[in-house]
Every structure is written in C-alpha cells, then in structure tokens.
All heavy atoms as atom14 arrays in JSON, in Angstrom:
{
  "sequence": "ARTARESLELVFQMSNILDTGLDRHTLSVLIALCDQGLNPEA",
  "atom14_mask": [
    [1, 1, 1, 1, 1, 0, 0, 0, 0, 0, 0, 0, 0, 0],
    [1, 1, 1, 1, 1, 1, 1, 1, 1, 1, 1, 0, 0, 0],
    [1, 1, 1, 1, 1, 1, 1, 0, 0, 0, 0, 0, 0, 0],
    [1, 1, 1, 1, 1, 0, 0, 0, 0, 0, 0, 0, 0, 0],
    [1, 1, 1, 1, 1, 1, 1, 1, 1, 1, 1, 0, 0, 0],
    [1, 1, 1, 1, 1, 1, 1, 1, 1, 0, 0, 0, 0, 0],
    [1, 1, 1, 1, 1, 1, 0, 0, 0, 0, 0, 0, 0, 0],
    [1, 1, 1, 1, 1, 1, 1, 1, 0, 0, 0, 0, 0, 0],
    [1, 1, 1, 1, 1, 1, 1, 1, 1, 0, 0, 0, 0, 0],
    [1, 1, 1, 1, 1, 1, 1, 1, 0, 0, 0, 0, 0, 0],
    [1, 1, 1, 1, 1, 1, 1, 0, 0, 0, 0, 0, 0, 0],
    [1, 1, 1, 1, 1, 1, 1, 1, 1, 1, 1, 0, 0, 0],
    [1, 1, 1, 1, 1, 1, 1, 1, 1, 0, 0, 0, 0, 0],
    [1, 1, 1, 1, 1, 1, 1, 1, 0, 0, 0, 0, 0, 0],
    [1, 1, 1, 1, 1, 1, 0, 0, 0, 0, 0, 0, 0, 0],
    [1, 1, 1, 1, 1, 1, 1, 1, 0, 0, 0, 0, 0, 0],
    [1, 1, 1, 1, 1, 1, 1, 1, 0, 0, 0, 0, 0, 0],
    [1, 1, 1, 1, 1, 1, 1, 1, 0, 0, 0, 0, 0, 0],
    [1, 1, 1, 1, 1, 1, 1, 1, 0, 0, 0, 0, 0, 0],
    [1, 1, 1, 1, 1, 1, 1, 0, 0, 0, 0, 0, 0, 0],
    [1, 1, 1, 1, 0, 0, 0, 0, 0, 0, 0, 0, 0, 0],
    [1, 1, 1, 1, 1, 1, 1, 1, 0, 0, 0, 0, 0, 0],
    [1, 1, 1, 1, 1, 1, 1, 1, 0, 0, 0, 0, 0, 0],
    [1, 1, 1, 1, 1, 1, 1, 1, 1, 1, 1, 0, 0, 0],
    [1, 1, 1, 1, 1, 1, 1, 1, 1, 1, 0, 0, 0, 0],
    [1, 1, 1, 1, 1, 1, 1, 0, 0, 0, 0, 0, 0, 0],
    [1, 1, 1, 1, 1, 1, 1, 1, 0, 0, 0, 0, 0, 0],
    [1, 1, 1, 1, 1, 1, 0, 0, 0, 0, 0, 0, 0, 0],
    [1, 1, 1, 1, 1, 1, 1, 0, 0, 0, 0, 0, 0, 0],
    [1, 1, 1, 1, 1, 1, 1, 1, 0, 0, 0, 0, 0, 0],
    [1, 1, 1, 1, 1, 1, 1, 1, 0, 0, 0, 0, 0, 0],
    [1, 1, 1, 1, 1, 0, 0, 0, 0, 0, 0, 0, 0, 0],
    [1, 1, 1, 1, 1, 1, 1, 1, 0, 0, 0, 0, 0, 0],
    [1, 1, 1, 1, 1, 1, 0, 0, 0, 0, 0, 0, 0, 0],
    [1, 1, 1, 1, 1, 1, 1, 1, 0, 0, 0, 0, 0, 0],
    [1, 1, 1, 1, 1, 1, 1, 1, 1, 0, 0, 0, 0, 0],
    [1, 1, 1, 1, 0, 0, 0, 0, 0, 0, 0, 0, 0, 0],
    [1, 1, 1, 1, 1, 1, 1, 1, 0, 0, 0, 0, 0, 0],
    [1, 1, 1, 1, 1, 1, 1, 1, 0, 0, 0, 0, 0, 0],
    [1, 1, 1, 1, 1, 1, 1, 0, 0, 0, 0, 0, 0, 0],
    [1, 1, 1, 1, 1, 1, 1, 1, 1, 0, 0, 0, 0, 0],
    [1, 1, 1, 1, 1, 0, 0, 0, 0, 0, 0, 0, 0, 0]
  ],
  "atom14_positions": [
    [[24.85, 8.62, 6.93], [24.62, 9.43, 8.14], [23.66, 10.66, 7.72], [22.77, 11.08, 8.44], [25.84, 9.86, 8.87], [0.0, 0.0, 0.0], [0.0, 0.0, 0.0], [0.0, 0.0, 0.0], [0.0, 0.0, 0.0], [0.0, 0.0, 0.0], [0.0, 0.0, 0.0], [0.0, 0.0, 0.0], [0.0, 0.0, 0.0], [0.0, 0.0, 0.0]],
    [[24.07, 11.25, 6.56], [23.37, 12.4, 6.06], [21.92, 11.99, 5.79], [20.94, 12.75, 6.06], [24.1, 13.05, 4.91], [23.42, 14.23, 4.35], [24.15, 14.95, 3.27], [24.71, 14.1, 2.27], [24.05, 13.54, 1.23], [22.78, 13.76, 1.1], [24.58, 12.75, 0.4], [0.0, 0.0, 0.0], [0.0, 0.0, 0.0], [0.0, 0.0, 0.0]],
    [[21.75, 10.92, 5.06], [20.46, 10.45, 4.69], [19.58, 10.11, 5.92], [18.49, 10.49, 5.9], [20.55, 9.15, 3.8], [21.34, 9.52, 2.66], [19.22, 8.69, 3.4], [0.0, 0.0, 0.0], [0.0, 0.0, 0.0], [0.0, 0.0, 0.0], [0.0, 0.0, 0.0], [0.0, 0.0, 0.0], [0.0, 0.0, 0.0], [0.0, 0.0, 0.0]],
    [[20.25, 9.52, 6.95], [19.46, 9.26, 8.19], [19.04, 10.49, 8.91], [17.88, 10.59, 9.37], [20.38, 8.42, 9.15], [0.0, 0.0, 0.0], [0.0, 0.0, 0.0], [0.0, 0.0, 0.0], [0.0, 0.0, 0.0], [0.0, 0.0, 0.0], [0.0, 0.0, 0.0], [0.0, 0.0, 0.0], [0.0, 0.0, 0.0], [0.0, 0.0, 0.0]],
    [[19.88, 11.51, 8.92], [19.49, 12.87, 9.49], [18.39, 13.51, 8.7], [17.43, 14.03, 9.39], [20.75, 13.78, 9.54], [21.61, 13.47, 10.73], [22.66, 14.65, 10.83], [23.45, 14.94, 9.7], [24.6, 14.36, 9.33], [25.12, 13.36, 10.09], [25.17, 14.7, 8.17], [0.0, 0.0, 0.0], [0.0, 0.0, 0.0], [0.0, 0.0, 0.0]],
    [[18.5, 13.49, 7.41], [17.48, 14.07, 6.56], [16.14, 13.38, 6.72], [15.07, 14.01, 6.82], [17.88, 14.1, 5.07], [19.02, 15.01, 4.75], [19.53, 14.91, 3.39], [19.07, 13.98, 2.71], [20.44, 15.68, 3.03], [0.0, 0.0, 0.0], [0.0, 0.0, 0.0], [0.0, 0.0, 0.0], [0.0, 0.0, 0.0], [0.0, 0.0, 0.0]],
    [[16.17, 12.0, 6.8], [14.99, 11.23, 7.02], [14.37, 11.55, 8.35], [13.1, 11.72, 8.43], [15.27, 9.74, 6.92], [15.74, 9.51, 5.61], [0.0, 0.0, 0.0], [0.0, 0.0, 0.0], [0.0, 0.0, 0.0], [0.0, 0.0, 0.0], [0.0, 0.0, 0.0], [0.0, 0.0, 0.0], [0.0, 0.0, 0.0], [0.0, 0.0, 0.0]],
    [[15.16, 11.6, 9.39], [14.62, 11.96, 10.73], [14.04, 13.34, 10.75], [12.97, 13.52, 11.34], [15.77, 11.81, 11.78], [15.39, 12.12, 13.23], [14.18, 11.2, 13.61], [16.52, 12.04, 14.22], [0.0, 0.0, 0.0], [0.0, 0.0, 0.0], [0.0, 0.0, 0.0], [0.0, 0.0, 0.0], [0.0, 0.0, 0.0], [0.0, 0.0, 0.0]],
    [[14.68, 14.28, 10.1], [14.14, 15.59, 10.08], [12.74, 15.62, 9.33], [11.82, 16.33, 9.72], [15.07, 16.61, 9.32], [14.58, 18.04, 9.24], [14.44, 18.63, 10.64], [15.1, 18.26, 11.59], [13.54, 19.54, 10.8], [0.0, 0.0, 0.0], [0.0, 0.0, 0.0], [0.0, 0.0, 0.0], [0.0, 0.0, 0.0], [0.0, 0.0, 0.0]],
    [[12.62, 14.89, 8.21], [11.31, 14.79, 7.52], [10.28, 14.18, 8.42], [9.16, 14.72, 8.47], [11.56, 13.94, 6.23], [10.31, 13.7, 5.39], [9.74, 14.99, 4.91], [10.61, 12.79, 4.21], [0.0, 0.0, 0.0], [0.0, 0.0, 0.0], [0.0, 0.0, 0.0], [0.0, 0.0, 0.0], [0.0, 0.0, 0.0], [0.0, 0.0, 0.0]],
    [[10.62, 13.11, 9.11], [9.69, 12.45, 9.92], [9.27, 13.43, 11.11], [8.09, 13.44, 11.46], [10.22, 11.09, 10.6], [9.4, 10.58, 11.69], [10.46, 10.12, 9.45], [0.0, 0.0, 0.0], [0.0, 0.0, 0.0], [0.0, 0.0, 0.0], [0.0, 0.0, 0.0], [0.0, 0.0, 0.0], [0.0, 0.0, 0.0], [0.0, 0.0, 0.0]],
    [[10.23, 14.18, 11.66], [9.95, 15.15, 12.74], [8.95, 16.26, 12.17], [8.02, 16.59, 12.92], [11.26, 15.74, 13.22], [10.99, 16.75, 14.35], [10.55, 16.32, 15.57], [11.32, 18.03, 14.17], [10.35, 17.23, 16.61], [11.17, 19.02, 15.13], [10.63, 18.59, 16.44], [0.0, 0.0, 0.0], [0.0, 0.0, 0.0], [0.0, 0.0, 0.0]],
    [[9.16, 16.72, 11.0], [8.28, 17.67, 10.4], [6.94, 17.12, 10.25], [5.88, 17.78, 10.55], [8.86, 18.21, 9.11], [10.07, 19.05, 9.14], [10.62, 19.44, 7.85], [10.07, 19.17, 6.78], [11.79, 20.04, 7.84], [0.0, 0.0, 0.0], [0.0, 0.0, 0.0], [0.0, 0.0, 0.0], [0.0, 0.0, 0.0], [0.0, 0.0, 0.0]],
    [[6.79, 15.86, 9.75], [5.49, 15.24, 9.62], [4.84, 15.06, 11.04], [3.64, 15.38, 11.12], [5.63, 13.88, 8.93], [6.04, 14.1, 7.52], [6.51, 12.45, 6.72], [5.14, 11.42, 7.11], [0.0, 0.0, 0.0], [0.0, 0.0, 0.0], [0.0, 0.0, 0.0], [0.0, 0.0, 0.0], [0.0, 0.0, 0.0], [0.0, 0.0, 0.0]],
    [[5.64, 14.69, 11.98], [5.15, 14.55, 13.32], [4.57, 15.84, 13.85], [3.45, 15.87, 14.53], [6.26, 14.03, 14.21], [5.89, 14.05, 15.56], [0.0, 0.0, 0.0], [0.0, 0.0, 0.0], [0.0, 0.0, 0.0], [0.0, 0.0, 0.0], [0.0, 0.0, 0.0], [0.0, 0.0, 0.0], [0.0, 0.0, 0.0], [0.0, 0.0, 0.0]],
    [[5.25, 17.0, 13.59], [4.74, 18.32, 14.01], [3.48, 18.7, 13.29], [2.59, 19.19, 13.95], [5.8, 19.37, 13.76], [6.91, 19.27, 14.84], [6.78, 18.77, 15.86], [8.09, 19.79, 14.52], [0.0, 0.0, 0.0], [0.0, 0.0, 0.0], [0.0, 0.0, 0.0], [0.0, 0.0, 0.0], [0.0, 0.0, 0.0], [0.0, 0.0, 0.0]],
    [[3.41, 18.43, 11.99], [2.22, 18.71, 11.29], [1.0, 17.93, 11.84], [-0.07, 18.52, 12.01], [2.35, 18.39, 9.73], [3.4, 19.37, 9.14], [1.01, 18.41, 9.02], [3.82, 19.0, 7.75], [0.0, 0.0, 0.0], [0.0, 0.0, 0.0], [0.0, 0.0, 0.0], [0.0, 0.0, 0.0], [0.0, 0.0, 0.0], [0.0, 0.0, 0.0]],
    [[1.24, 16.69, 12.24], [0.21, 15.88, 12.77], [0.0, 16.14, 14.23], [-0.86, 15.47, 14.87], [0.54, 14.37, 12.52], [0.53, 13.97, 11.05], [1.02, 12.55, 10.93], [-0.85, 14.1, 10.41], [0.0, 0.0, 0.0], [0.0, 0.0, 0.0], [0.0, 0.0, 0.0], [0.0, 0.0, 0.0], [0.0, 0.0, 0.0], [0.0, 0.0, 0.0]],
    [[0.81, 17.03, 14.78], [0.68, 17.42, 16.25], [0.76, 16.17, 17.18], [-0.03, 16.01, 18.13], [-0.59, 18.23, 16.43], [-0.59, 18.96, 17.81], [0.5, 19.31, 18.25], [-1.64, 19.18, 18.3], [0.0, 0.0, 0.0], [0.0, 0.0, 0.0], [0.0, 0.0, 0.0], [0.0, 0.0, 0.0], [0.0, 0.0, 0.0], [0.0, 0.0, 0.0]],
    [[1.78, 15.27, 16.9], [1.95, 14.15, 17.76], [2.63, 14.39, 19.14], [2.43, 13.65, 20.09], [2.8, 13.08, 17.02], [4.13, 13.56, 16.98], [2.26, 12.68, 15.73], [0.0, 0.0, 0.0], [0.0, 0.0, 0.0], [0.0, 0.0, 0.0], [0.0, 0.0, 0.0], [0.0, 0.0, 0.0], [0.0, 0.0, 0.0], [0.0, 0.0, 0.0]],
    [[3.37, 15.56, 19.18], [4.08, 15.88, 20.43], [5.33, 15.07, 20.66], [5.91, 15.1, 21.74], [0.0, 0.0, 0.0], [0.0, 0.0, 0.0], [0.0, 0.0, 0.0], [0.0, 0.0, 0.0], [0.0, 0.0, 0.0], [0.0, 0.0, 0.0], [0.0, 0.0, 0.0], [0.0, 0.0, 0.0], [0.0, 0.0, 0.0], [0.0, 0.0, 0.0]],
    [[5.71, 14.22, 19.61], [6.96, 13.42, 19.85], [8.15, 14.2, 19.4], [8.19, 14.91, 18.4], [6.81, 12.23, 18.92], [5.69, 11.19, 19.25], [5.59, 10.15, 18.19], [5.84, 10.67, 20.62], [0.0, 0.0, 0.0], [0.0, 0.0, 0.0], [0.0, 0.0, 0.0], [0.0, 0.0, 0.0], [0.0, 0.0, 0.0], [0.0, 0.0, 0.0]],
    [[9.21, 14.09, 20.23], [10.44, 14.85, 19.91], [11.34, 14.0, 18.94], [11.07, 12.76, 18.68], [11.23, 15.2, 21.2], [11.6, 13.98, 22.05], [11.62, 12.85, 21.55], [11.84, 14.19, 23.26], [0.0, 0.0, 0.0], [0.0, 0.0, 0.0], [0.0, 0.0, 0.0], [0.0, 0.0, 0.0], [0.0, 0.0, 0.0], [0.0, 0.0, 0.0]],
    [[12.46, 14.53, 18.54], [13.36, 13.86, 17.64], [13.9, 12.61, 18.22], [14.0, 11.53, 17.47], [14.49, 14.76, 17.21], [14.08, 15.81, 16.16], [15.28, 16.64, 15.74], [14.94, 17.62, 14.73], [14.45, 18.76, 15.0], [14.3, 19.23, 16.22], [14.19, 19.61, 14.04], [0.0, 0.0, 0.0], [0.0, 0.0, 0.0], [0.0, 0.0, 0.0]],
    [[14.3, 12.69, 19.5], [14.85, 11.43, 20.18], [13.89, 10.31, 20.19], [14.15, 9.14, 19.85], [15.28, 11.78, 21.55], [15.82, 10.58, 22.32], [17.06, 10.0, 22.0], [15.31, 9.81, 23.24], [17.25, 8.99, 22.75], [16.13, 8.82, 23.54], [0.0, 0.0, 0.0], [0.0, 0.0, 0.0], [0.0, 0.0, 0.0], [0.0, 0.0, 0.0]],
    [[12.61, 10.62, 20.57], [11.59, 9.57, 20.6], [11.28, 9.01, 19.31], [11.21, 7.75, 19.14], [10.29, 10.18, 21.23], [10.59, 10.59, 22.52], [9.2, 9.06, 21.35], [0.0, 0.0, 0.0], [0.0, 0.0, 0.0], [0.0, 0.0, 0.0], [0.0, 0.0, 0.0], [0.0, 0.0, 0.0], [0.0, 0.0, 0.0], [0.0, 0.0, 0.0]],
    [[11.25, 9.86, 18.29], [10.94, 9.4, 16.95], [12.1, 8.5, 16.47], [11.92, 7.45, 15.83], [10.82, 10.56, 15.9], [9.48, 11.34, 16.14], [9.59, 12.61, 15.3], [8.35, 10.51, 15.65], [0.0, 0.0, 0.0], [0.0, 0.0, 0.0], [0.0, 0.0, 0.0], [0.0, 0.0, 0.0], [0.0, 0.0, 0.0], [0.0, 0.0, 0.0]],
    [[13.38, 8.9, 16.87], [14.57, 8.12, 16.44], [14.51, 6.73, 17.03], [14.78, 5.66, 16.37], [15.82, 8.86, 16.85], [16.94, 8.13, 16.52], [0.0, 0.0, 0.0], [0.0, 0.0, 0.0], [0.0, 0.0, 0.0], [0.0, 0.0, 0.0], [0.0, 0.0, 0.0], [0.0, 0.0, 0.0], [0.0, 0.0, 0.0], [0.0, 0.0, 0.0]],
    [[14.14, 6.66, 18.32], [13.98, 5.35, 19.0], [12.89, 4.55, 18.31], [13.15, 3.26, 18.07], [13.72, 5.55, 20.5], [13.26, 4.24, 21.14], [14.95, 6.16, 21.16], [0.0, 0.0, 0.0], [0.0, 0.0, 0.0], [0.0, 0.0, 0.0], [0.0, 0.0, 0.0], [0.0, 0.0, 0.0], [0.0, 0.0, 0.0], [0.0, 0.0, 0.0]],
    [[11.76, 5.12, 18.09], [10.67, 4.36, 17.39], [11.02, 3.83, 16.04], [10.75, 2.68, 15.65], [9.45, 5.26, 17.3], [8.81, 5.57, 18.69], [7.72, 6.67, 18.48], [8.22, 4.36, 19.33], [0.0, 0.0, 0.0], [0.0, 0.0, 0.0], [0.0, 0.0, 0.0], [0.0, 0.0, 0.0], [0.0, 0.0, 0.0], [0.0, 0.0, 0.0]],
    [[11.79, 4.59, 15.31], [12.22, 4.23, 13.97], [13.2, 3.12, 14.08], [13.15, 2.07, 13.37], [12.87, 5.47, 13.14], [11.8, 6.41, 12.81], [13.62, 4.93, 11.98], [12.32, 7.77, 12.23], [0.0, 0.0, 0.0], [0.0, 0.0, 0.0], [0.0, 0.0, 0.0], [0.0, 0.0, 0.0], [0.0, 0.0, 0.0], [0.0, 0.0, 0.0]],
    [[14.16, 3.19, 15.04], [15.11, 2.08, 15.24], [14.44, 0.81, 15.67], [14.8, -0.26, 15.25], [16.16, 2.52, 16.37], [0.0, 0.0, 0.0], [0.0, 0.0, 0.0], [0.0, 0.0, 0.0], [0.0, 0.0, 0.0], [0.0, 0.0, 0.0], [0.0, 0.0, 0.0], [0.0, 0.0, 0.0], [0.0, 0.0, 0.0], [0.0, 0.0, 0.0]],
    [[13.44, 0.97, 16.43], [12.68, -0.28, 16.85], [11.96, -0.91, 15.67], [11.86, -2.16, 15.49], [11.67, 0.04, 18.01], [12.27, 0.35, 19.37], [11.25, 0.86, 20.26], [12.98, -0.86, 19.94], [0.0, 0.0, 0.0], [0.0, 0.0, 0.0], [0.0, 0.0, 0.0], [0.0, 0.0, 0.0], [0.0, 0.0, 0.0], [0.0, 0.0, 0.0]],
    [[11.42, -0.07, 14.81], [10.77, -0.62, 13.58], [11.85, -1.21, 12.7], [11.54, -2.28, 12.13], [10.08, 0.52, 12.8], [8.59, 1.07, 13.63], [0.0, 0.0, 0.0], [0.0, 0.0, 0.0], [0.0, 0.0, 0.0], [0.0, 0.0, 0.0], [0.0, 0.0, 0.0], [0.0, 0.0, 0.0], [0.0, 0.0, 0.0], [0.0, 0.0, 0.0]],
    [[12.98, -0.6, 12.64], [14.15, -1.18, 11.81], [14.52, -2.59, 12.29], [14.98, -3.44, 11.59], [15.25, -0.3, 11.82], [15.07, 0.89, 10.94], [14.15, 0.88, 10.06], [15.88, 1.89, 10.99], [0.0, 0.0, 0.0], [0.0, 0.0, 0.0], [0.0, 0.0, 0.0], [0.0, 0.0, 0.0], [0.0, 0.0, 0.0], [0.0, 0.0, 0.0]],
    [[14.32, -2.82, 13.67], [14.7, -4.05, 14.29], [13.57, -5.12, 14.14], [13.67, -6.2, 14.57], [14.98, -3.81, 15.73], [16.2, -3.01, 16.07], [17.44, -3.77, 15.51], [17.59, -4.93, 15.73], [18.31, -3.03, 14.87], [0.0, 0.0, 0.0], [0.0, 0.0, 0.0], [0.0, 0.0, 0.0], [0.0, 0.0, 0.0], [0.0, 0.0, 0.0]],
    [[12.44, -4.66, 13.48], [11.4, -5.55, 13.27], [10.17, -5.61, 14.1], [9.28, -6.35, 13.95], [0.0, 0.0, 0.0], [0.0, 0.0, 0.0], [0.0, 0.0, 0.0], [0.0, 0.0, 0.0], [0.0, 0.0, 0.0], [0.0, 0.0, 0.0], [0.0, 0.0, 0.0], [0.0, 0.0, 0.0], [0.0, 0.0, 0.0], [0.0, 0.0, 0.0]],
    [[10.14, -4.59, 14.99], [8.91, -4.44, 15.84], [7.73, -3.93, 15.01], [7.94, -3.11, 14.13], [9.19, -3.56, 17.08], [9.73, -4.21, 18.3], [11.15, -4.78, 18.13], [9.55, -3.33, 19.49], [0.0, 0.0, 0.0], [0.0, 0.0, 0.0], [0.0, 0.0, 0.0], [0.0, 0.0, 0.0], [0.0, 0.0, 0.0], [0.0, 0.0, 0.0]],
    [[6.52, -4.31, 15.35], [5.39, -3.98, 14.7], [5.02, -2.5, 14.86], [4.87, -2.08, 16.08], [4.24, -4.87, 15.09], [2.96, -4.57, 14.44], [2.69, -3.47, 14.0], [2.15, -5.56, 14.26], [0.0, 0.0, 0.0], [0.0, 0.0, 0.0], [0.0, 0.0, 0.0], [0.0, 0.0, 0.0], [0.0, 0.0, 0.0], [0.0, 0.0, 0.0]],
    [[4.98, -1.64, 13.85], [4.74, -0.21, 14.09], [3.38, 0.1, 14.7], [3.27, 1.02, 15.52], [4.77, 0.34, 12.58], [5.46, -0.69, 11.81], [5.28, -1.93, 12.46], [0.0, 0.0, 0.0], [0.0, 0.0, 0.0], [0.0, 0.0, 0.0], [0.0, 0.0, 0.0], [0.0, 0.0, 0.0], [0.0, 0.0, 0.0], [0.0, 0.0, 0.0]],
    [[2.36, -0.76, 14.43], [1.07, -0.56, 15.0], [1.13, -0.88, 16.5], [0.55, -0.2, 17.37], [0.05, -1.4, 14.36], [-0.31, -1.0, 12.95], [-1.31, -1.83, 12.28], [-2.07, -2.56, 12.95], [-1.44, -1.69, 11.06], [0.0, 0.0, 0.0], [0.0, 0.0, 0.0], [0.0, 0.0, 0.0], [0.0, 0.0, 0.0], [0.0, 0.0, 0.0]],
    [[1.9, -1.84, 16.93], [2.11, -2.17, 18.31], [2.82, -1.02, 19.06], [2.43, -0.71, 20.15], [2.81, -3.5, 18.52], [0.0, 0.0, 0.0], [0.0, 0.0, 0.0], [0.0, 0.0, 0.0], [0.0, 0.0, 0.0], [0.0, 0.0, 0.0], [0.0, 0.0, 0.0], [0.0, 0.0, 0.0], [0.0, 0.0, 0.0], [0.0, 0.0, 0.0]]
  ]
}
C-alpha cells in the first residue's frame, strides 16, 4: 500500500510537470486500467 501511494505520488508529480491537468483519482484509474492490460496508448 505504501509503495502504491508513493508510486501514485510520483506519477502525479510527473503529470503536474507535464501539465496534463489529470488529478490523482484519474491517474489512479488509468494506472489500474493499464495494470488490467489495456493499451496505454489507446
């Protein structure tokens, strides 16, 4: 759980640097979908 929180925080920081406008919840959902095998580019 700690590793997952730290990873999400890192992804959120990267998202902010890239100015994506994605919030933590949206990033979390996108990561979960990738973990389920969905194509990240799609």
